[in-house]
C-alpha atoms as a PDB file:
ATOM      1  CA  UNK A   1     -57.440  88.374 153.347  1.00  0.00           C
ATOM      2  CA  UNK A   2     -55.009  85.473 153.506  1.00  0.00           C
ATOM      3  CA  UNK A   3     -51.484  85.978 152.233  1.00  0.00           C
ATOM      4  CA  UNK A   4     -50.125  83.581 149.583  1.00  0.00           C
ATOM      5  CA  UNK A   5     -47.876  82.038 152.245  1.00  0.00           C
ATOM      6  CA  UNK A   6     -50.786  81.290 154.595  1.00  0.00           C
ATOM      7  CA  UNK A   7     -52.733  79.731 151.716  1.00  0.00           C
ATOM      8  CA  UNK A   8     -49.698  77.622 150.829  1.00  0.00           C
ATOM      9  CA  UNK A   9     -49.348  76.392 154.424  1.00  0.00           C
ATOM     10  CA  UNK A  10     -53.028  75.448 154.638  1.00  0.00           C
ATOM     11  CA  UNK A  11     -53.002  73.605 151.325  1.00  0.00           C
ATOM     12  CA  UNK A  12     -49.846  71.664 152.201  1.00  0.00           C
ATOM     13  CA  UNK A  13     -51.393  70.600 155.532  1.00  0.00           C
ATOM     14  CA  UNK A  14     -54.640  69.282 154.061  1.00  0.00           C
ATOM     15  CA  UNK A  15     -53.481  65.650 153.675  1.00  0.00           C
ATOM     16  CA  UNK A  16     -52.592  65.473 157.390  1.00  0.00           C
ATOM     17  CA  UNK A  17     -55.724  67.336 158.465  1.00  0.00           C
ATOM     18  CA  UNK A  18     -53.867  69.711 160.777  1.00  0.00           C
ATOM     19  CA  UNK A  19     -51.082  72.275 160.662  1.00  0.00           C
ATOM     20  CA  UNK A  20     -47.772  71.467 162.319  1.00  0.00           C
ATOM     21  CA  UNK A  21     -46.887  73.853 165.152  1.00  0.00           C
ATOM     22  CA  UNK A  22     -44.025  75.683 163.383  1.00  0.00           C
ATOM     23  CA  UNK A  23     -46.264  76.335 160.386  1.00  0.00           C
ATOM     24  CA  UNK A  24     -49.185  77.355 162.601  1.00  0.00           C
ATOM     25  CA  UNK A  25     -46.898  79.874 164.281  1.00  0.00           C
ATOM     26  CA  UNK A  26     -45.755  81.119 160.897  1.00  0.00           C
ATOM     27  CA  UNK A  27     -49.403  81.868 160.147  1.00  0.00           C
ATOM     28  CA  UNK A  28     -49.644  83.804 163.412  1.00  0.00           C
ATOM     29  CA  UNK A  29     -46.525  85.774 162.556  1.00  0.00           C
ATOM     30  CA  UNK A  30     -47.957  86.605 159.133  1.00  0.00           C
ATOM     31  CA  UNK A  31     -50.814  88.287 161.013  1.00  0.00           C
ATOM     32  CA  UNK A  32     -48.517  90.018 163.523  1.00  0.00           C
ATOM     33  CA  UNK A  33     -49.371  87.847 166.544  1.00  0.00           C
ATOM     34  CA  UNK A  34     -46.427  87.275 168.872  1.00  0.00           C
ATOM     35  CA  UNK A  35     -44.775  83.859 169.194  1.00  0.00           C
ATOM     36  CA  UNK A  36     -41.580  82.853 171.050  1.00  0.00           C
ATOM     37  CA  UNK A  37     -38.221  83.254 169.383  1.00  0.00           C
ATOM     38  CA  UNK A  38     -37.108  79.881 168.113  1.00  0.00           C
ATOM     39  CA  UNK A  39     -35.356  77.744 165.557  1.00  0.00           C
ATOM     40  CA  UNK A  40     -36.557  74.639 163.693  1.00  0.00           C
ATOM     41  CA  UNK A  41     -33.683  72.232 163.192  1.00  0.00           C
ATOM     42  CA  UNK A  42     -32.372  68.684 163.201  1.00  0.00           C
ATOM     43  CA  UNK A  43     -28.904  69.882 164.206  1.00  0.00           C
ATOM     44  CA  UNK A  44     -27.711  69.717 167.801  1.00  0.00           C
ATOM     45  CA  UNK A  45     -25.097  72.349 166.995  1.00  0.00           C
ATOM     46  CA  UNK A  46     -27.720  74.767 165.666  1.00  0.00           C
ATOM     47  CA  UNK A  47     -29.896  74.172 168.725  1.00  0.00           C
ATOM     48  CA  UNK A  48     -26.905  74.701 171.020  1.00  0.00           C
ATOM     49  CA  UNK A  49     -26.085  78.002 169.334  1.00  0.00           C
ATOM     50  CA  UNK A  50     -29.662  79.137 169.838  1.00  0.00           C
ATOM     51  CA  UNK A  51     -29.482  78.136 173.521  1.00  0.00           C
ATOM     52  CA  UNK A  52     -26.249  80.080 173.933  1.00  0.00           C
ATOM     53  CA  UNK A  53     -27.935  83.190 172.566  1.00  0.00           C
ATOM     54  CA  UNK A  54     -30.883  82.983 174.961  1.00  0.00           C
ATOM     55  CA  UNK A  55     -31.005  84.674 178.340  1.00  0.00           C
ATOM     56  CA  UNK A  56     -32.618  81.633 179.927  1.00  0.00           C
ATOM     57  CA  UNK A  57     -33.748  78.059 179.353  1.00  0.00           C
ATOM     58  CA  UNK A  58     -35.337  76.728 176.192  1.00  0.00           C
ATOM     59  CA  UNK A  59     -38.141  74.357 175.279  1.00  0.00           C
ATOM     60  CA  UNK A  60     -37.679  71.446 172.851  1.00  0.00           C
ATOM     61  CA  UNK A  61     -40.657  70.113 170.881  1.00  0.00           C
ATOM     62  CA  UNK A  62     -40.713  67.200 168.481  1.00  0.00           C
ATOM     63  CA  UNK A  63     -42.259  68.127 165.134  1.00  0.00           C
ATOM     64  CA  UNK A  64     -44.003  65.182 163.523  1.00  0.00           C
ATOM     65  CA  UNK A  65     -47.169  64.806 161.444  1.00  0.00           C
ATOM     66  CA  UNK A  66     -47.786  61.654 163.474  1.00  0.00           C
ATOM     67  CA  UNK A  67     -47.707  63.399 166.868  1.00  0.00           C
ATOM     68  CA  UNK A  68     -50.692  65.674 167.403  1.00  0.00           C
ATOM     69  CA  UNK A  69     -50.792  65.542 171.213  1.00  0.00           C
ATOM     70  CA  UNK A  70     -47.175  65.991 172.259  1.00  0.00           C
ATOM     71  CA  UNK A  71     -47.580  65.343 175.981  1.00  0.00           C
ATOM     72  CA  UNK A  72     -48.898  61.841 175.258  1.00  0.00           C
ATOM     73  CA  UNK A  73     -45.600  61.001 173.534  1.00  0.00           C
ATOM     74  CA  UNK A  74     -43.226  62.854 175.894  1.00  0.00           C
ATOM     75  CA  UNK A  75     -42.491  65.040 172.882  1.00  0.00           C
ATOM     76  CA  UNK A  76     -41.956  68.268 174.850  1.00  0.00           C
ATOM     77  CA  UNK A  77     -39.003  69.046 177.128  1.00  0.00           C
ATOM     78  CA  UNK A  78     -38.939  72.254 179.164  1.00  0.00           C
ATOM     79  CA  UNK A  79     -36.309  74.106 181.182  1.00  0.00           C
ATOM     80  CA  UNK A  80     -33.336  72.936 179.115  1.00  0.00           C
ATOM     81  CA  UNK A  81     -30.376  75.062 180.222  1.00  0.00           C
ATOM     82  CA  UNK A  82     -27.131  73.357 179.209  1.00  0.00           C
ATOM     83  CA  UNK A  83     -25.714  71.883 175.980  1.00  0.00           C
ATOM     84  CA  UNK A  84     -25.353  68.349 177.361  1.00  0.00           C
ATOM     85  CA  UNK A  85     -29.015  68.122 178.373  1.00  0.00           C
ATOM     86  CA  UNK A  86     -30.035  69.676 175.083  1.00  0.00           C
ATOM     87  CA  UNK A  87     -28.024  67.143 173.060  1.00  0.00           C
ATOM     88  CA  UNK A  88     -29.489  64.198 174.960  1.00  0.00           C
ATOM     89  CA  UNK A  89     -33.085  65.332 174.504  1.00  0.00           C
ATOM     90  CA  UNK A  90     -32.580  66.337 170.873  1.00  0.00           C
ATOM     91  CA  UNK A  91     -31.373  62.808 170.107  1.00  0.00           C
ATOM     92  CA  UNK A  92     -34.367  61.240 171.848  1.00  0.00           C
ATOM     93  CA  UNK A  93     -36.914  63.551 170.218  1.00  0.00           C
ATOM     94  CA  UNK A  94     -35.515  62.952 166.740  1.00  0.00           C
ATOM     95  CA  UNK A  95     -36.011  59.216 167.317  1.00  0.00           C
ATOM     96  CA  UNK A  96     -39.764  59.633 167.836  1.00  0.00           C
ATOM     97  CA  UNK A  97     -42.118  58.441 165.132  1.00  0.00           C
ATOM     98  CA  UNK A  98     -42.131  60.743 162.124  1.00  0.00           C
ATOM     99  CA  UNK A  99     -39.921  63.376 163.769  1.00  0.00           C
ATOM    100  CA  UNK A 100     -37.164  64.781 161.579  1.00  0.00           C
ATOM    101  CA  UNK A 101     -36.946  68.253 163.151  1.00  0.00           C
ATOM    102  CA  UNK A 102     -37.187  69.784 166.615  1.00  0.00           C
ATOM    103  CA  UNK A 103     -38.614  73.200 167.448  1.00  0.00           C
ATOM    104  CA  UNK A 104     -36.291  74.916 169.933  1.00  0.00           C
ATOM    105  CA  UNK A 105     -37.812  78.004 171.572  1.00  0.00           C
ATOM    106  CA  UNK A 106     -37.108  80.457 174.344  1.00  0.00           C
ATOM    107  CA  UNK A 107     -39.073  79.721 177.513  1.00  0.00           C
ATOM    108  CA  UNK A 108     -41.638  82.374 178.334  1.00  0.00           C
ATOM    109  CA  UNK A 109     -43.061  82.850 181.823  1.00  0.00           C
ATOM    110  CA  UNK A 110     -46.269  84.493 182.971  1.00  0.00           C
ATOM    111  CA  UNK A 111     -49.976  83.770 183.303  1.00  0.00           C
ATOM    112  CA  UNK A 112     -51.257  81.025 181.000  1.00  0.00           C
ATOM    113  CA  UNK A 113     -54.253  82.058 178.899  1.00  0.00           C
ATOM    114  CA  UNK A 114     -56.284  80.130 176.335  1.00  0.00           C
ATOM    115  CA  UNK A 115     -57.187  81.907 173.113  1.00  0.00           C
ATOM    116  CA  UNK A 116     -59.085  79.557 170.847  1.00  0.00           C
ATOM    117  CA  UNK A 117     -61.657  79.255 168.102  1.00  0.00           C
ATOM    118  CA  UNK A 118     -64.343  76.872 166.959  1.00  0.00           C
ATOM    119  CA  UNK A 119     -65.978  76.906 163.554  1.00  0.00           C
ATOM    120  CA  UNK A 120     -69.603  76.461 164.537  1.00  0.00           C
ATOM    121  CA  UNK A 121     -71.817  74.909 161.867  1.00  0.00           C
ATOM    122  CA  UNK A 122     -74.625  77.360 162.652  1.00  0.00           C
ATOM    123  CA  UNK A 123     -72.894  80.551 163.767  1.00  0.00           C
ATOM    124  CA  UNK A 124     -69.509  80.355 162.058  1.00  0.00           C
ATOM    125  CA  UNK A 125     -66.227  81.222 163.807  1.00  0.00           C
ATOM    126  CA  UNK A 126     -66.437  81.860 167.546  1.00  0.00           C
ATOM    127  CA  UNK A 127     -63.631  83.037 169.836  1.00  0.00           C
ATOM    128  CA  UNK A 128     -62.910  81.326 173.154  1.00  0.00           C
ATOM    129  CA  UNK A 129     -61.005  83.006 176.004  1.00  0.00           C
ATOM    130  CA  UNK A 130     -60.069  81.597 179.408  1.00  0.00           C
ATOM    131  CA  UNK A 131     -57.254  80.524 181.668  1.00  0.00           C
ATOM    132  CA  UNK A 132     -54.840  78.327 179.742  1.00  0.00           C
ATOM    133  CA  UNK A 133     -52.743  75.229 180.323  1.00  0.00           C
ATOM    134  CA  UNK A 134     -54.475  72.412 182.190  1.00  0.00           C
ATOM    135  CA  UNK A 135     -56.610  74.980 184.040  1.00  0.00           C
ATOM    136  CA  UNK A 136     -59.042  75.177 181.133  1.00  0.00           C
ATOM    137  CA  UNK A 137     -59.863  71.460 181.527  1.00  0.00           C
ATOM    138  CA  UNK A 138     -60.089  71.587 185.327  1.00  0.00           C
ATOM    139  CA  UNK A 139     -62.134  74.745 185.819  1.00  0.00           C
ATOM    140  CA  UNK A 140     -64.012  74.972 182.503  1.00  0.00           C
ATOM    141  CA  UNK A 141     -63.923  78.754 182.877  1.00  0.00           C
ATOM    142  CA  UNK A 142     -64.190  80.246 179.407  1.00  0.00           C
ATOM    143  CA  UNK A 143     -66.042  83.026 177.624  1.00  0.00           C
ATOM    144  CA  UNK A 144     -67.261  82.787 174.028  1.00  0.00           C
ATOM    145  CA  UNK A 145     -68.138  85.469 171.480  1.00  0.00           C
ATOM    146  CA  UNK A 146     -68.895  85.484 167.769  1.00  0.00           C
ATOM    147  CA  UNK A 147     -66.009  86.613 165.583  1.00  0.00           C
ATOM    148  CA  UNK A 148     -64.837  89.168 164.798  1.00  0.00           C
ATOM    149  CA  UNK A 149     -64.616  90.753 168.241  1.00  0.00           C
ATOM    150  CA  UNK A 150     -63.990  94.343 169.268  1.00  0.00           C
ATOM    151  CA  UNK A 151     -61.901  95.589 172.215  1.00  0.00           C
ATOM    152  CA  UNK A 152     -65.174  96.066 174.110  1.00  0.00           C
ATOM    153  CA  UNK A 153     -66.053  92.413 173.441  1.00  0.00           C
ATOM    154  CA  UNK A 154     -62.700  91.296 174.859  1.00  0.00           C
ATOM    155  CA  UNK A 155     -63.287  93.369 178.007  1.00  0.00           C
ATOM    156  CA  UNK A 156     -66.695  91.727 178.326  1.00  0.00           C
ATOM    157  CA  UNK A 157     -65.147  88.278 177.958  1.00  0.00           C
ATOM    158  CA  UNK A 158     -62.574  88.973 180.654  1.00  0.00           C
ATOM    159  CA  UNK A 159     -65.295  90.278 182.980  1.00  0.00           C
ATOM    160  CA  UNK A 160     -67.276  87.075 182.438  1.00  0.00           C
ATOM    161  CA  UNK A 161     -64.444  84.864 183.700  1.00  0.00           C
ATOM    162  CA  UNK A 162     -64.277  83.637 187.268  1.00  0.00           C
ATOM    163  CA  UNK A 163     -60.505  83.945 186.818  1.00  0.00           C
ATOM    164  CA  UNK A 164     -60.724  87.671 186.044  1.00  0.00           C
ATOM    165  CA  UNK A 165     -58.858  88.623 189.271  1.00  0.00           C
ATOM    166  CA  UNK A 166     -55.921  86.446 188.167  1.00  0.00           C
ATOM    167  CA  UNK A 167     -55.703  88.293 184.870  1.00  0.00           C
ATOM    168  CA  UNK A 168     -56.036  91.700 186.490  1.00  0.00           C
ATOM    169  CA  UNK A 169     -53.588  90.994 189.322  1.00  0.00           C
ATOM    170  CA  UNK A 170     -54.416  89.164 192.535  1.00  0.00           C
ATOM    171  CA  UNK A 171     -53.029  89.538 196.073  1.00  0.00           C
ATOM    172  CA  UNK A 172     -50.063  91.572 194.983  1.00  0.00           C
ATOM    173  CA  UNK A 173     -49.242  89.419 191.980  1.00  0.00           C
ATOM    174  CA  UNK A 174     -48.948  91.271 188.672  1.00  0.00           C
ATOM    175  CA  UNK A 175     -51.711  90.843 186.126  1.00  0.00           C
ATOM    176  CA  UNK A 176     -51.472  90.660 182.374  1.00  0.00           C
ATOM    177  CA  UNK A 177     -51.027  93.504 179.933  1.00  0.00           C
ATOM    178  CA  UNK A 178     -54.689  93.956 179.033  1.00  0.00           C
ATOM    179  CA  UNK A 179     -53.897  96.075 175.980  1.00  0.00           C
ATOM    180  CA  UNK A 180     -51.627  93.321 174.606  1.00  0.00           C
ATOM    181  CA  UNK A 181     -54.202  90.608 175.372  1.00  0.00           C
ATOM    182  CA  UNK A 182     -56.973  92.649 173.778  1.00  0.00           C
ATOM    183  CA  UNK A 183     -54.914  93.291 170.671  1.00  0.00           C
ATOM    184  CA  UNK A 184     -54.067  89.589 170.341  1.00  0.00           C
ATOM    185  CA  UNK A 185     -57.684  88.437 170.699  1.00  0.00           C
ATOM    186  CA  UNK A 186     -58.974  91.065 168.252  1.00  0.00           C
ATOM    187  CA  UNK A 187     -56.289  90.223 165.672  1.00  0.00           C
ATOM    188  CA  UNK A 188     -56.867  86.496 166.204  1.00  0.00           C
ATOM    189  CA  UNK A 189     -60.595  86.944 165.607  1.00  0.00           C
ATOM    190  CA  UNK A 190     -59.897  88.632 162.286  1.00  0.00           C
ATOM    191  CA  UNK A 191     -57.581  85.801 161.310  1.00  0.00           C
ATOM    192  CA  UNK A 192     -60.179  83.123 162.010  1.00  0.00           C
ATOM    193  CA  UNK A 193     -62.729  84.995 159.903  1.00  0.00           C
ATOM    194  CA  UNK A 194     -60.322  84.744 156.976  1.00  0.00           C
ATOM    195  CA  UNK A 195     -59.642  81.080 157.785  1.00  0.00           C
ATOM    196  CA  UNK A 196     -63.345  80.209 158.072  1.00  0.00           C
ATOM    197  CA  UNK A 197     -63.500  78.032 154.922  1.00  0.00           C
ATOM    198  CA  UNK A 198     -60.571  75.921 156.117  1.00  0.00           C
ATOM    199  CA  UNK A 199     -60.473  75.354 159.874  1.00  0.00           C
ATOM    200  CA  UNK A 200     -62.426  73.266 162.348  1.00  0.00           C
ATOM    201  CA  UNK A 201     -60.744  74.443 165.560  1.00  0.00           C
ATOM    202  CA  UNK A 202     -57.729  76.471 166.636  1.00  0.00           C
ATOM    203  CA  UNK A 203     -56.057  76.447 170.039  1.00  0.00           C
ATOM    204  CA  UNK A 204     -53.411  78.882 171.198  1.00  0.00           C
ATOM    205  CA  UNK A 205     -52.800  77.216 174.535  1.00  0.00           C
ATOM    206  CA  UNK A 206     -51.061  78.494 176.369  1.00  0.00           C
ATOM    207  CA  UNK A 207     -50.714  82.120 175.473  1.00  0.00           C
ATOM    208  CA  UNK A 208     -48.229  83.370 178.060  1.00  0.00           C
ATOM    209  CA  UNK A 209     -49.068  86.862 179.292  1.00  0.00           C
ATOM    210  CA  UNK A 210     -47.175  89.132 181.657  1.00  0.00           C
ATOM    211  CA  UNK A 211     -47.144  92.855 182.347  1.00  0.00           C
ATOM    212  CA  UNK A 212     -45.475  93.556 178.993  1.00  0.00           C
ATOM    213  CA  UNK A 213     -46.741  91.189 176.302  1.00  0.00           C
ATOM    214  CA  UNK A 214     -48.747  88.122 175.309  1.00  0.00           C
ATOM    215  CA  UNK A 215     -46.955  85.304 173.473  1.00  0.00           C
ATOM    216  CA  UNK A 216     -48.545  82.273 171.800  1.00  0.00           C
ATOM    217  CA  UNK A 217     -46.355  79.515 173.247  1.00  0.00           C
ATOM    218  CA  UNK A 218     -48.278  76.755 171.472  1.00  0.00           C
ATOM    219  CA  UNK A 219     -50.548  76.698 168.433  1.00  0.00           C
ATOM    220  CA  UNK A 220     -52.709  73.970 166.945  1.00  0.00           C
ATOM    221  CA  UNK A 221     -54.887  74.328 163.849  1.00  0.00           C
ATOM    222  CA  UNK A 222     -57.265  71.492 162.976  1.00  0.00           C
ATOM    223  CA  UNK A 223     -58.546  71.684 159.418  1.00  0.00           C
ATOM    224  CA  UNK A 224     -61.979  70.889 158.035  1.00  0.00           C
ATOM    225  CA  UNK A 225     -62.152  67.371 156.626  1.00  0.00           C
ATOM    226  CA  UNK A 226     -61.781  67.344 152.864  1.00  0.00           C
ATOM    227  CA  UNK A 227     -65.024  66.608 151.083  1.00  0.00           C
ATOM    228  CA  UNK A 228     -65.086  63.475 149.013  1.00  0.00           C
ATOM    229  CA  UNK A 229     -65.520  64.142 145.288  1.00  0.00           C
ATOM    230  CA  UNK A 230     -69.062  63.804 144.013  1.00  0.00           C
ATOM    231  CA  UNK A 231     -69.903  60.631 142.141  1.00  0.00           C
END
């Protein structure tokens, strides 16, 4: 069941046709999925205070209803570590079309995983799992199951991936926390069942996983087109 806040976010996003990243992450938080610590602001001072409280670098992302694909507009800046660099990039991002706030988040490191969903016209919501980042486009290595999924389904999806050794730990490199990944995919599948009347596709890409946790570093929710009123 959707909370009143999730319903409010979806309804407010209908005119644009998609949910802005901060609001998409608020939906995830409402359902207890992990997202990076962050602050949404138009203030350089507020962003600088957040940076000072982090143990490492931060990521800056322009938030604009006119910028769906951020990389195409140079609307994401990573590895920001000092106030001067932060101030410069904040100023530039706030000058982008439609941007009046910037999402400032802690940088998270680990293995990039894709957790996504499609709302199939015949089968309904399906869950997609694979390597994340640009790897998903290069290798096309994903597994798909009907939602909702069980922990056994998630294990089956991981086993179906050519990249399974990367997730489990390869050549001495640590793998991901499988319990955390399983919990995220199961909880995500329950969320998309509740969102079935509203969404067309959802991408959590990347979800950053390490030996301790899985964090949705990016989130995009594309809504179903609104039906025209009957004549």
